[in-house]
Amino acid sequence: MSVADILHNDKKKIAWLCDPDKTYGDALLYAGNTAQKAGIDLILIGGSLVQENHLDECITALRSVTEIPIVLFPGNGMQFSDKADAILFLSLLSGRNPDLLIGQHVNIAYRLHKSNMEVIPTGYILIDGGEPTSVSYMSNTFPIPRDKTNIAVSTALAGKLLGMQAIYLEAGSGAPLCVPNRTIKATKETTNMPLFVGGGIRNAKTASMMFHLGANVVVIGTAVEENPDCLFDIVSSVQNKI
């Protein structure tokens, strides 16, 4: 099954966002094995910085313990590995930094064209998560204010009209606040597109709420870094309630 097929099926999906700078070695193997046993749907790999260029190594390690599809979540065009199953081809729609709207994409386009990798054009939208995050600093952009739901929805709608295949609402890794409920609900109702929601989601209750509001994929990052076993509770709760 392709990643696009996974995104479009009716199942509510849990993704683990693996930052290779923060989870590696034995910790990476343990988290990957836990993700497999818990039954999550996708592994996203990448981050805002990724100081060490060891994506190939990380993906190979994950392949040894899990069959879950591995999807690149690149912070820039350097974060590429043809060992992944697919790539979220992220365009930072909420910012006005041309390098992250199209510049990095030009740098990597030919390699993607020559590869067999599945490409998912994705509108990436930063929402204020309560404090500055790595992604806002590294992207040199400002997130959309939490109370400006109309701006977030119009941005997502513009992405749809430009041909994006998915929308990713992001509060930022480790954000104290999640994407606001009204923003998730309004974005899903207006665009009716596959919707990722990430940032600040640390427990089953919050994940279930994101799904109730319209998210198709809930992305867990920091909570897995701190305790991979949290995935068992989150997946079990979602399966029982949705």
C-alpha atoms as a PDB file:
ATOM      1  CA  MET A   1       0.000   0.000   0.000  1.00  0.00           C
ATOM      2  CA  SER A   2       1.358   3.439  -0.924  1.00  0.00           C
ATOM      3  CA  VAL A   3       1.648   6.232   1.613  1.00  0.00           C
ATOM      4  CA  ALA A   4      -0.989   8.152  -0.359  1.00  0.00           C
ATOM      5  CA  ASP A   5      -3.351   5.174   0.037  1.00  0.00           C
ATOM      6  CA  ILE A   6      -2.674   5.142   3.781  1.00  0.00           C
ATOM      7  CA  LEU A   7      -3.444   8.863   4.001  1.00  0.00           C
ATOM      8  CA  HIS A   8      -6.729   8.487   2.165  1.00  0.00           C
ATOM      9  CA  ASN A   9      -8.136   5.480   3.982  1.00  0.00           C
ATOM     10  CA  ASP A  10     -10.674   6.025   6.762  1.00  0.00           C
ATOM     11  CA  LYS A  11      -8.476   4.796   9.602  1.00  0.00           C
ATOM     12  CA  LYS A  12      -7.219   7.367  12.100  1.00  0.00           C
ATOM     13  CA  LYS A  13      -3.439   7.203  11.903  1.00  0.00           C
ATOM     14  CA  ILE A  14      -0.615   7.677  14.406  1.00  0.00           C
ATOM     15  CA  ALA A  15       2.811   8.783  13.180  1.00  0.00           C
ATOM     16  CA  TRP A  16       6.059   8.970  15.120  1.00  0.00           C
ATOM     17  CA  LEU A  17       8.310  11.878  14.164  1.00  0.00           C
ATOM     18  CA  CYS A  18      11.873  10.652  14.646  1.00  0.00           C
ATOM     19  CA  ASP A  19      14.581  13.311  14.867  1.00  0.00           C
ATOM     20  CA  PRO A  20      17.920  11.556  14.135  1.00  0.00           C
ATOM     21  CA  ASP A  21      19.762  14.111  16.268  1.00  0.00           C
ATOM     22  CA  LYS A  22      17.741  13.128  19.334  1.00  0.00           C
ATOM     23  CA  THR A  23      17.024   9.402  18.891  1.00  0.00           C
ATOM     24  CA  TYR A  24      19.829   7.139  17.715  1.00  0.00           C
ATOM     25  CA  GLY A  25      21.760   3.989  18.585  1.00  0.00           C
ATOM     26  CA  ASP A  26      20.044   1.638  21.013  1.00  0.00           C
ATOM     27  CA  ALA A  27      17.376   4.245  21.766  1.00  0.00           C
ATOM     28  CA  LEU A  28      16.441   4.338  18.067  1.00  0.00           C
ATOM     29  CA  LEU A  29      16.164   0.552  17.899  1.00  0.00           C
ATOM     30  CA  TYR A  30      14.053   0.433  21.043  1.00  0.00           C
ATOM     31  CA  ALA A  31      11.723   3.174  19.791  1.00  0.00           C
ATOM     32  CA  GLY A  32      11.393   1.520  16.378  1.00  0.00           C
ATOM     33  CA  ASN A  33      10.628  -1.859  17.910  1.00  0.00           C
ATOM     34  CA  THR A  34       8.081  -0.249  20.224  1.00  0.00           C
ATOM     35  CA  ALA A  35       6.439   1.542  17.300  1.00  0.00           C
ATOM     36  CA  GLN A  36       6.134  -1.793  15.476  1.00  0.00           C
ATOM     37  CA  LYS A  37       4.600  -3.560  18.469  1.00  0.00           C
ATOM     38  CA  ALA A  38       2.228  -0.677  19.207  1.00  0.00           C
ATOM     39  CA  GLY A  39       0.964  -0.743  15.624  1.00  0.00           C
ATOM     40  CA  ILE A  40       1.476   2.860  14.520  1.00  0.00           C
ATOM     41  CA  ASP A  41       0.980   3.699  10.856  1.00  0.00           C
ATOM     42  CA  LEU A  42       3.902   5.881   9.752  1.00  0.00           C
ATOM     43  CA  ILE A  43       7.385   6.894  10.815  1.00  0.00           C
ATOM     44  CA  LEU A  44       8.387  10.406   9.795  1.00  0.00           C
ATOM     45  CA  ILE A  45      12.122  11.058   9.920  1.00  0.00           C
ATOM     46  CA  GLY A  46      13.852  14.432   9.848  1.00  0.00           C
ATOM     47  CA  GLY A  47      13.951  17.674  11.766  1.00  0.00           C
ATOM     48  CA  SER A  48      14.697  21.376  11.739  1.00  0.00           C
ATOM     49  CA  LEU A  49      18.466  20.936  11.919  1.00  0.00           C
ATOM     50  CA  VAL A  50      19.776  17.326  11.728  1.00  0.00           C
ATOM     51  CA  GLN A  51      23.391  18.137  12.494  1.00  0.00           C
ATOM     52  CA  GLU A  52      24.732  14.706  11.638  1.00  0.00           C
ATOM     53  CA  ASN A  53      24.107  13.438   8.108  1.00  0.00           C
ATOM     54  CA  HIS A  54      23.173   9.893   9.070  1.00  0.00           C
ATOM     55  CA  LEU A  55      19.696   9.484   7.624  1.00  0.00           C
ATOM     56  CA  ASP A  56      20.753   6.371   5.692  1.00  0.00           C
ATOM     57  CA  GLU A  57      22.102   4.816   8.873  1.00  0.00           C
ATOM     58  CA  CYS A  58      18.984   5.655  10.879  1.00  0.00           C
ATOM     59  CA  ILE A  59      16.630   4.321   8.224  1.00  0.00           C
ATOM     60  CA  THR A  60      18.646   1.111   7.878  1.00  0.00           C
ATOM     61  CA  ALA A  61      18.480   0.637  11.652  1.00  0.00           C
ATOM     62  CA  LEU A  62      14.721   1.187  11.682  1.00  0.00           C
ATOM     63  CA  ARG A  63      14.283  -1.283   8.827  1.00  0.00           C
ATOM     64  CA  SER A  64      15.886  -3.957  11.010  1.00  0.00           C
ATOM     65  CA  VAL A  65      13.131  -3.715  13.635  1.00  0.00           C
ATOM     66  CA  THR A  66      10.003  -2.480  11.842  1.00  0.00           C
ATOM     67  CA  GLU A  67       7.993  -2.786   8.637  1.00  0.00           C
ATOM     68  CA  ILE A  68       6.224   0.542   9.144  1.00  0.00           C
ATOM     69  CA  PRO A  69       6.508   2.876   6.117  1.00  0.00           C
ATOM     70  CA  ILE A  70       9.290   5.432   6.611  1.00  0.00           C
ATOM     71  CA  VAL A  71       8.610   8.919   5.255  1.00  0.00           C
ATOM     72  CA  LEU A  72      11.137  11.737   4.982  1.00  0.00           C
ATOM     73  CA  PHE A  73      10.149  14.899   6.837  1.00  0.00           C
ATOM     74  CA  PRO A  74      12.935  17.187   5.588  1.00  0.00           C
ATOM     75  CA  GLY A  75      13.946  20.469   7.154  1.00  0.00           C
ATOM     76  CA  ASN A  76      15.927  21.259   4.005  1.00  0.00           C
ATOM     77  CA  GLY A  77      17.044  19.727   0.719  1.00  0.00           C
ATOM     78  CA  MET A  78      20.095  18.124   2.327  1.00  0.00           C
ATOM     79  CA  GLN A  79      17.896  15.802   4.381  1.00  0.00           C
ATOM     80  CA  PHE A  80      17.412  13.192   1.686  1.00  0.00           C
ATOM     81  CA  SER A  81      17.824   9.439   1.607  1.00  0.00           C
ATOM     82  CA  ASP A  82      16.590   7.148  -1.134  1.00  0.00           C
ATOM     83  CA  LYS A  83      16.224   4.408   1.480  1.00  0.00           C
ATOM     84  CA  ALA A  84      12.914   5.938   2.631  1.00  0.00           C
ATOM     85  CA  ASP A  85       9.557   4.889   1.187  1.00  0.00           C
ATOM     86  CA  ALA A  86       8.244   8.382   0.571  1.00  0.00           C
ATOM     87  CA  ILE A  87       8.834  12.061   1.223  1.00  0.00           C
ATOM     88  CA  LEU A  88       6.532  14.777   2.474  1.00  0.00           C
ATOM     89  CA  PHE A  89       7.555  17.439  -0.055  1.00  0.00           C
ATOM     90  CA  LEU A  90       6.979  20.274   2.397  1.00  0.00           C
ATOM     91  CA  SER A  91       6.265  23.807   1.250  1.00  0.00           C
ATOM     92  CA  LEU A  92       6.192  26.247   4.181  1.00  0.00           C
ATOM     93  CA  LEU A  93       3.017  28.077   3.211  1.00  0.00           C
ATOM     94  CA  SER A  94       2.662  30.023   6.445  1.00  0.00           C
ATOM     95  CA  GLY A  95       5.967  31.859   5.966  1.00  0.00           C
ATOM     96  CA  ARG A  96       7.352  34.192   3.346  1.00  0.00           C
ATOM     97  CA  ASN A  97      10.781  32.631   3.071  1.00  0.00           C
ATOM     98  CA  PRO A  98      11.124  31.780  -0.646  1.00  0.00           C
ATOM     99  CA  ASP A  99      13.814  29.204   0.093  1.00  0.00           C
ATOM    100  CA  LEU A 100      11.280  27.042   1.918  1.00  0.00           C
ATOM    101  CA  LEU A 101       8.448  27.789  -0.470  1.00  0.00           C
ATOM    102  CA  ILE A 102      10.338  26.627  -3.579  1.00  0.00           C
ATOM    103  CA  GLY A 103      14.110  27.113  -3.306  1.00  0.00           C
ATOM    104  CA  GLN A 104      15.006  23.904  -1.463  1.00  0.00           C
ATOM    105  CA  HIS A 105      12.587  22.008  -3.678  1.00  0.00           C
ATOM    106  CA  VAL A 106      14.490  23.016  -6.807  1.00  0.00           C
ATOM    107  CA  ASN A 107      17.717  21.732  -5.221  1.00  0.00           C
ATOM    108  CA  ILE A 108      16.279  18.270  -4.632  1.00  0.00           C
ATOM    109  CA  ALA A 109      13.838  17.966  -7.562  1.00  0.00           C
ATOM    110  CA  TYR A 110      16.144  16.153  -9.974  1.00  0.00           C
ATOM    111  CA  ARG A 111      17.195  13.557  -7.394  1.00  0.00           C
ATOM    112  CA  LEU A 112      13.544  12.884  -6.607  1.00  0.00           C
ATOM    113  CA  HIS A 113      12.730  12.647 -10.295  1.00  0.00           C
ATOM    114  CA  LYS A 114      15.418   9.999 -10.744  1.00  0.00           C
ATOM    115  CA  SER A 115      14.432   8.046  -7.652  1.00  0.00           C
ATOM    116  CA  ASN A 116      11.509   5.669  -7.177  1.00  0.00           C
ATOM    117  CA  MET A 117      10.395   7.515  -4.075  1.00  0.00           C
ATOM    118  CA  GLU A 118       6.747   8.369  -3.565  1.00  0.00           C
ATOM    119  CA  VAL A 119       6.331  12.148  -3.307  1.00  0.00           C
ATOM    120  CA  ILE A 120       3.518  13.706  -1.267  1.00  0.00           C
ATOM    121  CA  PRO A 121       3.305  17.492  -1.925  1.00  0.00           C
ATOM    122  CA  THR A 122       2.373  18.889   1.490  1.00  0.00           C
ATOM    123  CA  GLY A 123       1.385  22.366   2.606  1.00  0.00           C
ATOM    124  CA  TYR A 124       3.241  22.973   5.880  1.00  0.00           C
ATOM    125  CA  ILE A 125       1.630  25.552   8.162  1.00  0.00           C
ATOM    126  CA  LEU A 126       3.161  26.749  11.427  1.00  0.00           C
ATOM    127  CA  ILE A 127       0.762  27.793  14.175  1.00  0.00           C
ATOM    128  CA  ASP A 128       1.893  29.605  17.316  1.00  0.00           C
ATOM    129  CA  GLY A 129       2.430  26.938  19.975  1.00  0.00           C
ATOM    130  CA  GLY A 130       2.958  29.283  22.911  1.00  0.00           C
ATOM    131  CA  GLU A 131       6.696  29.899  22.600  1.00  0.00           C
ATOM    132  CA  PRO A 132       9.390  30.135  19.887  1.00  0.00           C
ATOM    133  CA  THR A 133      10.358  26.743  18.473  1.00  0.00           C
ATOM    134  CA  SER A 134      13.273  25.347  16.494  1.00  0.00           C
ATOM    135  CA  VAL A 135      11.279  25.254  13.281  1.00  0.00           C
ATOM    136  CA  SER A 136      10.314  28.940  13.428  1.00  0.00           C
ATOM    137  CA  TYR A 137      13.905  29.939  14.204  1.00  0.00           C
ATOM    138  CA  MET A 138      15.512  27.730  11.565  1.00  0.00           C
ATOM    139  CA  SER A 139      12.952  28.642   8.894  1.00  0.00           C
ATOM    140  CA  ASN A 140      13.260  32.365   9.648  1.00  0.00           C
ATOM    141  CA  THR A 141       9.476  32.709   9.611  1.00  0.00           C
ATOM    142  CA  PHE A 142       6.753  33.664  12.055  1.00  0.00           C
ATOM    143  CA  PRO A 143       3.965  31.224  12.930  1.00  0.00           C
ATOM    144  CA  ILE A 144       0.348  32.173  12.345  1.00  0.00           C
ATOM    145  CA  PRO A 145      -1.133  33.644  15.573  1.00  0.00           C
ATOM    146  CA  ARG A 146      -3.320  31.223  17.495  1.00  0.00           C
ATOM    147  CA  ASP A 147      -6.402  33.453  17.262  1.00  0.00           C
ATOM    148  CA  LYS A 148      -6.177  33.959  13.481  1.00  0.00           C
ATOM    149  CA  THR A 149      -8.082  30.879  12.392  1.00  0.00           C
ATOM    150  CA  ASN A 150      -9.191  32.561   9.164  1.00  0.00           C
ATOM    151  CA  ILE A 151      -5.568  33.094   8.110  1.00  0.00           C
ATOM    152  CA  ALA A 152      -4.661  29.469   8.815  1.00  0.00           C
ATOM    153  CA  VAL A 153      -7.679  28.176   6.893  1.00  0.00           C
ATOM    154  CA  SER A 154      -7.096  30.495   3.939  1.00  0.00           C
ATOM    155  CA  THR A 155      -3.455  29.398   3.851  1.00  0.00           C
ATOM    156  CA  ALA A 156      -4.476  25.728   3.786  1.00  0.00           C
ATOM    157  CA  LEU A 157      -7.054  26.427   1.098  1.00  0.00           C
ATOM    158  CA  ALA A 158      -4.416  28.183  -1.010  1.00  0.00           C
ATOM    159  CA  GLY A 159      -2.280  25.059  -0.683  1.00  0.00           C
ATOM    160  CA  LYS A 160      -5.154  22.914  -1.911  1.00  0.00           C
ATOM    161  CA  LEU A 161      -5.747  25.188  -4.907  1.00  0.00           C
ATOM    162  CA  LEU A 162      -2.021  25.053  -5.706  1.00  0.00           C
ATOM    163  CA  GLY A 163      -2.249  21.254  -5.920  1.00  0.00           C
ATOM    164  CA  MET A 164      -0.972  20.113  -2.516  1.00  0.00           C
ATOM    165  CA  GLN A 165      -2.055  16.583  -1.598  1.00  0.00           C
ATOM    166  CA  ALA A 166      -1.991  17.046   2.190  1.00  0.00           C
ATOM    167  CA  ILE A 167      -1.888  19.762   4.843  1.00  0.00           C
ATOM    168  CA  TYR A 168       0.342  19.653   7.927  1.00  0.00           C
ATOM    169  CA  LEU A 169      -0.622  21.901  10.854  1.00  0.00           C
ATOM    170  CA  GLU A 170       2.401  22.264  13.142  1.00  0.00           C
ATOM    171  CA  ALA A 171       2.719  23.868  16.570  1.00  0.00           C
ATOM    172  CA  GLY A 172       6.411  22.961  16.779  1.00  0.00           C
ATOM    173  CA  SER A 173       8.384  20.200  18.451  1.00  0.00           C
ATOM    174  CA  GLY A 174       7.915  20.294  22.217  1.00  0.00           C
ATOM    175  CA  ALA A 175       5.475  23.202  22.026  1.00  0.00           C
ATOM    176  CA  PRO A 176       3.604  23.850  25.286  1.00  0.00           C
ATOM    177  CA  LEU A 177       0.355  24.341  23.351  1.00  0.00           C
ATOM    178  CA  CYS A 178      -1.130  22.247  20.546  1.00  0.00           C
ATOM    179  CA  VAL A 179      -2.687  23.586  17.369  1.00  0.00           C
ATOM    180  CA  PRO A 180      -5.992  25.205  18.487  1.00  0.00           C
ATOM    181  CA  ASN A 181      -9.100  23.056  18.230  1.00  0.00           C
ATOM    182  CA  ARG A 182     -10.960  25.550  16.072  1.00  0.00           C
ATOM    183  CA  THR A 183      -8.076  25.710  13.598  1.00  0.00           C
ATOM    184  CA  ILE A 184      -8.023  21.930  13.120  1.00  0.00           C
ATOM    185  CA  LYS A 185     -11.795  21.722  12.752  1.00  0.00           C
ATOM    186  CA  ALA A 186     -12.099  24.643  10.344  1.00  0.00           C
ATOM    187  CA  THR A 187      -9.148  23.528   8.217  1.00  0.00           C
ATOM    188  CA  LYS A 188     -10.556  20.033   7.778  1.00  0.00           C
ATOM    189  CA  GLU A 189     -14.085  21.236   7.052  1.00  0.00           C
ATOM    190  CA  THR A 190     -12.902  23.783   4.475  1.00  0.00           C
ATOM    191  CA  THR A 191     -10.274  21.747   2.615  1.00  0.00           C
ATOM    192  CA  ASN A 192     -11.425  18.135   3.154  1.00  0.00           C
ATOM    193  CA  MET A 193      -7.811  17.044   2.589  1.00  0.00           C
ATOM    194  CA  PRO A 194      -5.608  14.537   4.420  1.00  0.00           C
ATOM    195  CA  LEU A 195      -4.624  16.491   7.530  1.00  0.00           C
ATOM    196  CA  PHE A 196      -1.529  15.999   9.684  1.00  0.00           C
ATOM    197  CA  VAL A 197      -1.489  17.638  13.117  1.00  0.00           C
ATOM    198  CA  GLY A 198       1.674  17.783  15.226  1.00  0.00           C
ATOM    199  CA  GLY A 199       3.364  19.637  18.046  1.00  0.00           C
ATOM    200  CA  GLY A 200       2.689  19.418  21.773  1.00  0.00           C
ATOM    201  CA  ILE A 201       0.700  16.153  21.595  1.00  0.00           C
ATOM    202  CA  ARG A 202       1.873  14.086  24.542  1.00  0.00           C
ATOM    203  CA  ASN A 203      -0.935  11.745  25.553  1.00  0.00           C
ATOM    204  CA  ALA A 204      -3.866   9.647  24.383  1.00  0.00           C
ATOM    205  CA  LYS A 205      -6.510  12.162  25.460  1.00  0.00           C
ATOM    206  CA  THR A 206      -5.033  14.923  23.318  1.00  0.00           C
ATOM    207  CA  ALA A 207      -4.492  12.606  20.338  1.00  0.00           C
ATOM    208  CA  SER A 208      -8.115  11.434  20.502  1.00  0.00           C
ATOM    209  CA  MET A 209      -9.303  15.042  20.561  1.00  0.00           C
ATOM    210  CA  MET A 210      -7.239  15.850  17.463  1.00  0.00           C
ATOM    211  CA  PHE A 211      -8.931  12.994  15.607  1.00  0.00           C
ATOM    212  CA  HIS A 212     -12.368  14.082  16.810  1.00  0.00           C
ATOM    213  CA  LEU A 213     -11.708  17.544  15.356  1.00  0.00           C
ATOM    214  CA  GLY A 214     -10.757  16.181  11.937  1.00  0.00           C
ATOM    215  CA  ALA A 215      -7.077  15.187  11.936  1.00  0.00           C
ATOM    216  CA  ASN A 216      -6.264  12.166   9.781  1.00  0.00           C
ATOM    217  CA  VAL A 217      -2.728  11.728  11.110  1.00  0.00           C
ATOM    218  CA  VAL A 218      -1.635  12.708  14.618  1.00  0.00           C
ATOM    219  CA  VAL A 219       2.132  13.099  14.891  1.00  0.00           C
ATOM    220  CA  ILE A 220       3.943  12.325  18.158  1.00  0.00           C
ATOM    221  CA  GLY A 221       7.554  13.434  18.562  1.00  0.00           C
ATOM    222  CA  THR A 222       8.880  14.675  21.890  1.00  0.00           C
ATOM    223  CA  ALA A 223       6.715  12.278  23.917  1.00  0.00           C
ATOM    224  CA  VAL A 224       8.301   9.303  22.120  1.00  0.00           C
ATOM    225  CA  GLU A 225      11.793  10.708  22.668  1.00  0.00           C
ATOM    226  CA  GLU A 226      11.045  10.829  26.393  1.00  0.00           C
ATOM    227  CA  ASN A 227       9.181   7.509  26.627  1.00  0.00           C
ATOM    228  CA  PRO A 228       8.548   5.340  23.535  1.00  0.00           C
ATOM    229  CA  ASP A 229       6.139   3.162  25.526  1.00  0.00           C
ATOM    230  CA  CYS A 230       3.625   6.030  25.423  1.00  0.00           C
ATOM    231  CA  LEU A 231       2.706   4.768  21.939  1.00  0.00           C
ATOM    232  CA  PHE A 232       0.963   1.718  23.404  1.00  0.00           C
ATOM    233  CA  ASP A 233      -1.440   3.880  25.406  1.00  0.00           C
ATOM    234  CA  ILE A 234      -2.045   6.328  22.568  1.00  0.00           C
ATOM    235  CA  VAL A 235      -2.731   3.665  19.937  1.00  0.00           C
ATOM    236  CA  SER A 236      -4.919   1.627  22.288  1.00  0.00           C
ATOM    237  CA  SER A 237      -6.971   4.651  23.315  1.00  0.00           C
ATOM    238  CA  VAL A 238      -7.501   5.776  19.729  1.00  0.00           C
ATOM    239  CA  GLN A 239      -8.544   2.294  18.610  1.00  0.00           C
ATOM    240  CA  ASN A 240     -11.059   2.041  21.447  1.00  0.00           C
ATOM    241  CA  LYS A 241     -12.590   5.506  20.988  1.00  0.00           C
ATOM    242  CA  ILE A 242     -12.575   6.136  17.255  1.00  0.00           C
END
